PDB file of N, CA and C in Angstrom:
ATOM      1  N   MET A   1     -28.651   1.010   6.609  1.00  0.00           N
ATOM      2  CA  MET A   1     -27.667   1.780   6.813  1.00  0.00           C
ATOM      3  C   MET A   1     -26.431   0.910   7.181  1.00  0.00           C
ATOM      4  N   LEU A   2     -25.149   1.156   6.629  1.00  0.00           N
ATOM      5  CA  LEU A   2     -23.857   0.717   7.095  1.00  0.00           C
ATOM      6  C   LEU A   2     -23.211   1.960   7.633  1.00  0.00           C
ATOM      7  N   THR A   3     -22.183   1.262   8.874  1.00  0.00           N
ATOM      8  CA  THR A   3     -21.303   2.216   9.221  1.00  0.00           C
ATOM      9  C   THR A   3     -19.687   1.850   9.169  1.00  0.00           C
ATOM     10  N   LEU A   4     -19.045   2.782   8.814  1.00  0.00           N
ATOM     11  CA  LEU A   4     -17.578   2.567   8.640  1.00  0.00           C
ATOM     12  C   LEU A   4     -16.964   3.309  10.002  1.00  0.00           C
ATOM     13  N   ALA A   5     -15.981   2.175  10.546  1.00  0.00           N
ATOM     14  CA  ALA A   5     -15.326   2.978  11.761  1.00  0.00           C
ATOM     15  C   ALA A   5     -13.992   2.946  11.118  1.00  0.00           C
ATOM     16  N   LEU A   6     -13.082   3.826  11.857  1.00  0.00           N
ATOM     17  CA  LEU A   6     -11.761   3.817  11.497  1.00  0.00           C
ATOM     18  C   LEU A   6     -10.925   3.979  12.837  1.00  0.00           C
ATOM     19  N   ASN A   7     -10.197   2.916  13.291  1.00  0.00           N
ATOM     20  CA  ASN A   7      -9.486   2.548  14.536  1.00  0.00           C
ATOM     21  C   ASN A   7     -10.432   2.769  15.856  1.00  0.00           C
ATOM     22  N   GLY A   8     -11.796   2.308  15.342  1.00  0.00           N
ATOM     23  CA  GLY A   8     -12.623   2.043  16.555  1.00  0.00           C
ATOM     24  C   GLY A   8     -14.007   3.049  16.402  1.00  0.00           C
ATOM     25  N   PRO A   9     -13.803   4.330  16.477  1.00  0.00           N
ATOM     26  CA  PRO A   9     -14.855   5.286  16.381  1.00  0.00           C
ATOM     27  C   PRO A   9     -15.565   5.163  14.848  1.00  0.00           C
ATOM     28  N   THR A  10     -16.816   5.412  15.092  1.00  0.00           N
ATOM     29  CA  THR A  10     -17.668   5.620  13.587  1.00  0.00           C
ATOM     30  C   THR A  10     -17.056   6.846  12.923  1.00  0.00           C
ATOM     31  N   THR A  11     -16.824   6.856  11.576  1.00  0.00           N
ATOM     32  CA  THR A  11     -16.558   7.983  10.838  1.00  0.00           C
ATOM     33  C   THR A  11     -17.402   8.384   9.713  1.00  0.00           C
ATOM     34  N   GLU A  12     -18.067   7.335   9.325  1.00  0.00           N
ATOM     35  CA  GLU A  12     -19.044   7.490   8.219  1.00  0.00           C
ATOM     36  C   GLU A  12     -20.167   6.617   8.241  1.00  0.00           C
ATOM     37  N   THR A  13     -21.339   7.191   7.755  1.00  0.00           N
ATOM     38  CA  THR A  13     -22.553   6.346   7.648  1.00  0.00           C
ATOM     39  C   THR A  13     -22.775   6.285   6.286  1.00  0.00           C
ATOM     40  N   ASP A  14     -23.326   5.174   5.631  1.00  0.00           N
ATOM     41  CA  ASP A  14     -23.826   5.161   4.175  1.00  0.00           C
ATOM     42  C   ASP A  14     -25.366   4.691   4.169  1.00  0.00           C
ATOM     43  N   THR A  15     -26.142   5.301   3.642  1.00  0.00           N
ATOM     44  CA  THR A  15     -27.701   4.914   3.826  1.00  0.00           C
ATOM     45  C   THR A  15     -28.015   4.884   2.242  1.00  0.00           C
ATOM     46  N   PHE A  16     -28.746   3.577   2.241  1.00  0.00           N
ATOM     47  CA  PHE A  16     -29.618   3.437   0.814  1.00  0.00           C
ATOM     48  C   PHE A  16     -30.651   3.864   0.959  1.00  0.00           C
ATOM     49  N   ALA A  17     -31.382   4.545   0.115  1.00  0.00           N
ATOM     50  CA  ALA A  17     -32.656   4.830  -0.098  1.00  0.00           C
ATOM     51  C   ALA A  17     -33.371   3.368  -0.688  1.00  0.00           C
ATOM     52  N   VAL A  18     -34.577   3.429  -0.603  1.00  0.00           N
ATOM     53  CA  VAL A  18     -35.632   2.245  -1.011  1.00  0.00           C
ATOM     54  C   VAL A  18     -35.321   2.445  -2.606  1.00  0.00           C
ATOM     55  N   SER A  19     -34.876   1.106  -3.034  1.00  0.00           N
ATOM     56  CA  SER A  19     -34.922   0.845  -4.389  1.00  0.00           C
ATOM     57  C   SER A  19     -33.724   1.538  -5.190  1.00  0.00           C
ATOM     58  N   LYS A  20     -32.870   1.960  -4.279  1.00  0.00           N
ATOM     59  CA  LYS A  20     -31.724   2.669  -5.095  1.00  0.00           C
ATOM     60  C   LYS A  20     -30.542   1.733  -4.869  1.00  0.00           C
ATOM     61  N   THR A  21     -29.446   1.815  -5.800  1.00  0.00           N
ATOM     62  CA  THR A  21     -28.114   1.062  -5.784  1.00  0.00           C
ATOM     63  C   THR A  21     -27.186   2.010  -5.242  1.00  0.00           C
ATOM     64  N   VAL A  22     -27.134   3.331  -5.150  1.00  0.00           N
ATOM     65  CA  VAL A  22     -25.986   3.937  -4.527  1.00  0.00           C
ATOM     66  C   VAL A  22     -26.539   4.633  -3.335  1.00  0.00           C
ATOM     67  N   ALA A  23     -25.466   4.736  -2.418  1.00  0.00           N
ATOM     68  CA  ALA A  23     -25.763   5.083  -1.030  1.00  0.00           C
ATOM     69  C   ALA A  23     -25.440   6.669  -0.880  1.00  0.00           C
ATOM     70  N   ILE A  24     -25.935   7.086   0.172  1.00  0.00           N
ATOM     71  CA  ILE A  24     -25.605   8.419   0.405  1.00  0.00           C
ATOM     72  C   ILE A  24     -24.473   8.346   1.716  1.00  0.00           C
ATOM     73  N   SER A  25     -23.384   8.888   1.450  1.00  0.00           N
ATOM     74  CA  SER A  25     -22.506   8.984   2.655  1.00  0.00           C
ATOM     75  C   SER A  25     -22.278   9.980   3.087  1.00  0.00           C
ATOM     76  N   THR A  26     -22.221  10.066   4.397  1.00  0.00           N
ATOM     77  CA  THR A  26     -22.191  11.127   5.465  1.00  0.00           C
ATOM     78  C   THR A  26     -21.020  10.963   6.550  1.00  0.00           C
ATOM     79  N   THR A  27     -19.906  11.656   6.464  1.00  0.00           N
ATOM     80  CA  THR A  27     -18.957  11.468   7.286  1.00  0.00           C
ATOM     81  C   THR A  27     -18.942  12.471   8.867  1.00  0.00           C
ATOM     82  N   THR A  28     -18.449  12.136   9.713  1.00  0.00           N
ATOM     83  CA  THR A  28     -18.538  12.625  10.925  1.00  0.00           C
ATOM     84  C   THR A  28     -18.092  14.125  10.791  1.00  0.00           C
ATOM     85  N   GLY A  29     -19.096  15.161  11.096  1.00  0.00           N
ATOM     86  CA  GLY A  29     -18.545  16.735  10.851  1.00  0.00           C
ATOM     87  C   GLY A  29     -18.571  16.965   9.519  1.00  0.00           C
ATOM     88  N   GLY A  30     -18.706  16.026   8.464  1.00  0.00           N
ATOM     89  CA  GLY A  30     -18.709  16.464   6.899  1.00  0.00           C
ATOM     90  C   GLY A  30     -17.255  16.456   6.592  1.00  0.00           C
ATOM     91  N   ASN A  31     -16.600  16.028   7.473  1.00  0.00           N
ATOM     92  CA  ASN A  31     -15.124  16.227   6.990  1.00  0.00           C
ATOM     93  C   ASN A  31     -14.591  14.794   6.259  1.00  0.00           C
ATOM     94  N   PRO A  32     -13.331  14.937   5.501  1.00  0.00           N
ATOM     95  CA  PRO A  32     -13.018  13.746   4.737  1.00  0.00           C
ATOM     96  C   PRO A  32     -12.465  12.865   5.954  1.00  0.00           C
ATOM     97  N   VAL A  33     -12.294  11.698   5.521  1.00  0.00           N
ATOM     98  CA  VAL A  33     -11.771  10.606   6.557  1.00  0.00           C
ATOM     99  C   VAL A  33     -10.189  10.141   5.775  1.00  0.00           C
ATOM    100  N   LEU A  34      -9.350  10.459   6.812  1.00  0.00           N
ATOM    101  CA  LEU A  34      -7.851  10.348   6.313  1.00  0.00           C
ATOM    102  C   LEU A  34      -7.454   9.092   6.975  1.00  0.00           C
ATOM    103  N   VAL A  35      -6.921   8.064   6.044  1.00  0.00           N
ATOM    104  CA  VAL A  35      -6.365   6.813   6.527  1.00  0.00           C
ATOM    105  C   VAL A  35      -4.932   6.743   6.160  1.00  0.00           C
ATOM    106  N   ASN A  36      -4.460   6.354   7.463  1.00  0.00           N
ATOM    107  CA  ASN A  36      -2.775   6.141   7.286  1.00  0.00           C
ATOM    108  C   ASN A  36      -2.526   4.737   7.135  1.00  0.00           C
ATOM    109  N   LEU A  37      -1.294   4.477   6.834  1.00  0.00           N
ATOM    110  CA  LEU A  37      -0.909   3.115   7.046  1.00  0.00           C
ATOM    111  C   LEU A  37      -0.815   2.366   8.250  1.00  0.00           C
ATOM    112  N   GLY A  38      -1.472   1.285   8.464  1.00  0.00           N
ATOM    113  CA  GLY A  38      -1.682   0.772   9.673  1.00  0.00           C
ATOM    114  C   GLY A  38      -3.084   0.895  10.354  1.00  0.00           C
ATOM    115  N   ASP A  39      -3.768   1.849   9.941  1.00  0.00           N
ATOM    116  CA  ASP A  39      -5.095   2.135  10.230  1.00  0.00           C
ATOM    117  C   ASP A  39      -6.031   0.723  10.184  1.00  0.00           C
ATOM    118  N   ILE A  40      -7.282   0.784  10.881  1.00  0.00           N
ATOM    119  CA  ILE A  40      -8.062  -0.221  10.636  1.00  0.00           C
ATOM    120  C   ILE A  40      -9.457   0.190  10.599  1.00  0.00           C
ATOM    121  N   LEU A  41     -10.064   0.006   9.267  1.00  0.00           N
ATOM    122  CA  LEU A  41     -11.377   0.073   8.716  1.00  0.00           C
ATOM    123  C   LEU A  41     -12.111  -0.872   9.137  1.00  0.00           C
ATOM    124  N   THR A  42     -13.299  -0.652   9.508  1.00  0.00           N
ATOM    125  CA  THR A  42     -14.357  -1.734   9.915  1.00  0.00           C
ATOM    126  C   THR A  42     -15.753  -1.466   9.333  1.00  0.00           C
ATOM    127  N   LEU A  43     -16.298  -2.204   8.755  1.00  0.00           N
ATOM    128  CA  LEU A  43     -17.594  -1.893   7.860  1.00  0.00           C
ATOM    129  C   LEU A  43     -18.544  -2.810   8.810  1.00  0.00           C
ATOM    130  N   THR A  44     -19.746  -2.077   9.289  1.00  0.00           N
ATOM    131  CA  THR A  44     -20.853  -2.775   9.962  1.00  0.00           C
ATOM    132  C   THR A  44     -21.978  -2.585   9.364  1.00  0.00           C
ATOM    133  N   ALA A  45     -22.890  -3.860   9.087  1.00  0.00           N
ATOM    134  CA  ALA A  45     -24.118  -3.866   8.499  1.00  0.00           C
ATOM    135  C   ALA A  45     -24.861  -3.668   9.927  1.00  0.00           C
ATOM    136  N   PRO A  46     -26.225  -3.566   9.851  1.00  0.00           N
ATOM    137  CA  PRO A  46     -27.402  -3.436  10.767  1.00  0.00           C
ATOM    138  C   PRO A  46     -27.623  -4.783  11.361  1.00  0.00           C
ATOM    139  N   ALA A  47     -28.148  -5.037  12.614  1.00  0.00           N
ATOM    140  CA  ALA A  47     -28.266  -6.322  13.060  1.00  0.00           C
ATOM    141  C   ALA A  47     -29.422  -7.077  12.388  1.00  0.00           C
ATOM    142  N   THR A  48     -30.279  -5.993  11.967  1.00  0.00           N
ATOM    143  CA  THR A  48     -31.602  -6.721  11.398  1.00  0.00           C
ATOM    144  C   THR A  48     -31.244  -6.460   9.691  1.00  0.00           C
ATOM    145  N   GLN A  49     -31.309  -7.690   9.139  1.00  0.00           N
ATOM    146  CA  GLN A  49     -30.937  -7.733   7.701  1.00  0.00           C
ATOM    147  C   GLN A  49     -31.863  -7.182   6.864  1.00  0.00           C
ATOM    148  N   ASP A  50     -31.561  -6.263   5.771  1.00  0.00           N
ATOM    149  CA  ASP A  50     -32.287  -5.701   4.804  1.00  0.00           C
ATOM    150  C   ASP A  50     -32.411  -6.697   3.730  1.00  0.00           C
ATOM    151  N   ALA A  51     -33.529  -7.093   3.291  1.00  0.00           N
ATOM    152  CA  ALA A  51     -33.770  -8.266   2.394  1.00  0.00           C
ATOM    153  C   ALA A  51     -33.525  -7.571   1.109  1.00  0.00           C
ATOM    154  N   ALA A  52     -33.852  -6.455   0.676  1.00  0.00           N
ATOM    155  CA  ALA A  52     -33.822  -5.624  -0.513  1.00  0.00           C
ATOM    156  C   ALA A  52     -32.365  -5.311  -0.884  1.00  0.00           C
ATOM    157  N   LEU A  53     -31.391  -5.543   0.152  1.00  0.00           N
ATOM    158  CA  LEU A  53     -29.904  -5.306  -0.129  1.00  0.00           C
ATOM    159  C   LEU A  53     -29.267  -6.384  -0.437  1.00  0.00           C
ATOM    160  N   ALA A  54     -28.692  -6.585  -1.472  1.00  0.00           N
ATOM    161  CA  ALA A  54     -28.070  -7.910  -1.655  1.00  0.00           C
ATOM    162  C   ALA A  54     -27.055  -7.859  -2.938  1.00  0.00           C
ATOM    163  N   ASP A  55     -25.983  -8.523  -2.802  1.00  0.00           N
ATOM    164  CA  ASP A  55     -24.728  -8.488  -3.898  1.00  0.00           C
ATOM    165  C   ASP A  55     -24.243  -7.054  -3.640  1.00  0.00           C
ATOM    166  N   LEU A  56     -23.904  -6.863  -2.648  1.00  0.00           N
ATOM    167  CA  LEU A  56     -23.248  -5.476  -2.262  1.00  0.00           C
ATOM    168  C   LEU A  56     -21.816  -5.455  -2.821  1.00  0.00           C
ATOM    169  N   VAL A  57     -21.263  -4.678  -3.446  1.00  0.00           N
ATOM    170  CA  VAL A  57     -20.056  -4.358  -3.926  1.00  0.00           C
ATOM    171  C   VAL A  57     -19.768  -2.922  -3.629  1.00  0.00           C
ATOM    172  N   GLY A  58     -18.259  -2.835  -3.010  1.00  0.00           N
ATOM    173  CA  GLY A  58     -17.911  -1.502  -2.675  1.00  0.00           C
ATOM    174  C   GLY A  58     -16.403  -1.400  -2.982  1.00  0.00           C
ATOM    175  N   TYR A  59     -15.883  -0.143  -3.091  1.00  0.00           N
ATOM    176  CA  TYR A  59     -14.486   0.102  -3.461  1.00  0.00           C
ATOM    177  C   TYR A  59     -13.979   1.198  -2.429  1.00  0.00           C
ATOM    178  N   ILE A  60     -12.538   1.188  -2.118  1.00  0.00           N
ATOM    179  CA  ILE A  60     -12.204   2.358  -1.311  1.00  0.00           C
ATOM    180  C   ILE A  60     -10.809   2.626  -2.159  1.00  0.00           C
ATOM    181  N   ALA A  61     -11.083   3.815  -2.554  1.00  0.00           N
ATOM    182  CA  ALA A  61      -9.790   4.437  -3.121  1.00  0.00           C
ATOM    183  C   ALA A  61      -8.654   5.073  -2.099  1.00  0.00           C
ATOM    184  N   LEU A  62      -7.434   4.789  -2.446  1.00  0.00           N
ATOM    185  CA  LEU A  62      -6.472   5.213  -1.677  1.00  0.00           C
ATOM    186  C   LEU A  62      -5.387   5.905  -2.486  1.00  0.00           C
ATOM    187  N   GLN A  63      -4.957   7.201  -2.079  1.00  0.00           N
ATOM    188  CA  GLN A  63      -4.065   7.922  -2.938  1.00  0.00           C
ATOM    189  C   GLN A  63      -2.638   7.974  -2.099  1.00  0.00           C
TER     190      GLN A  63
END
């Protein structure tokens, strides 16, 4: 599970099922995450490394 934080508090969790390459993303309260100029996004991996999760690539789309 990866966590995405916006300016400190966690706003989203991304969970990968076993043997899957696409995460299931869940936002806090089910609401969209709104990012403004100057905000800080932090992506954090779990303390215990998952050997099956390798070569992770992600994109963030901004409008």
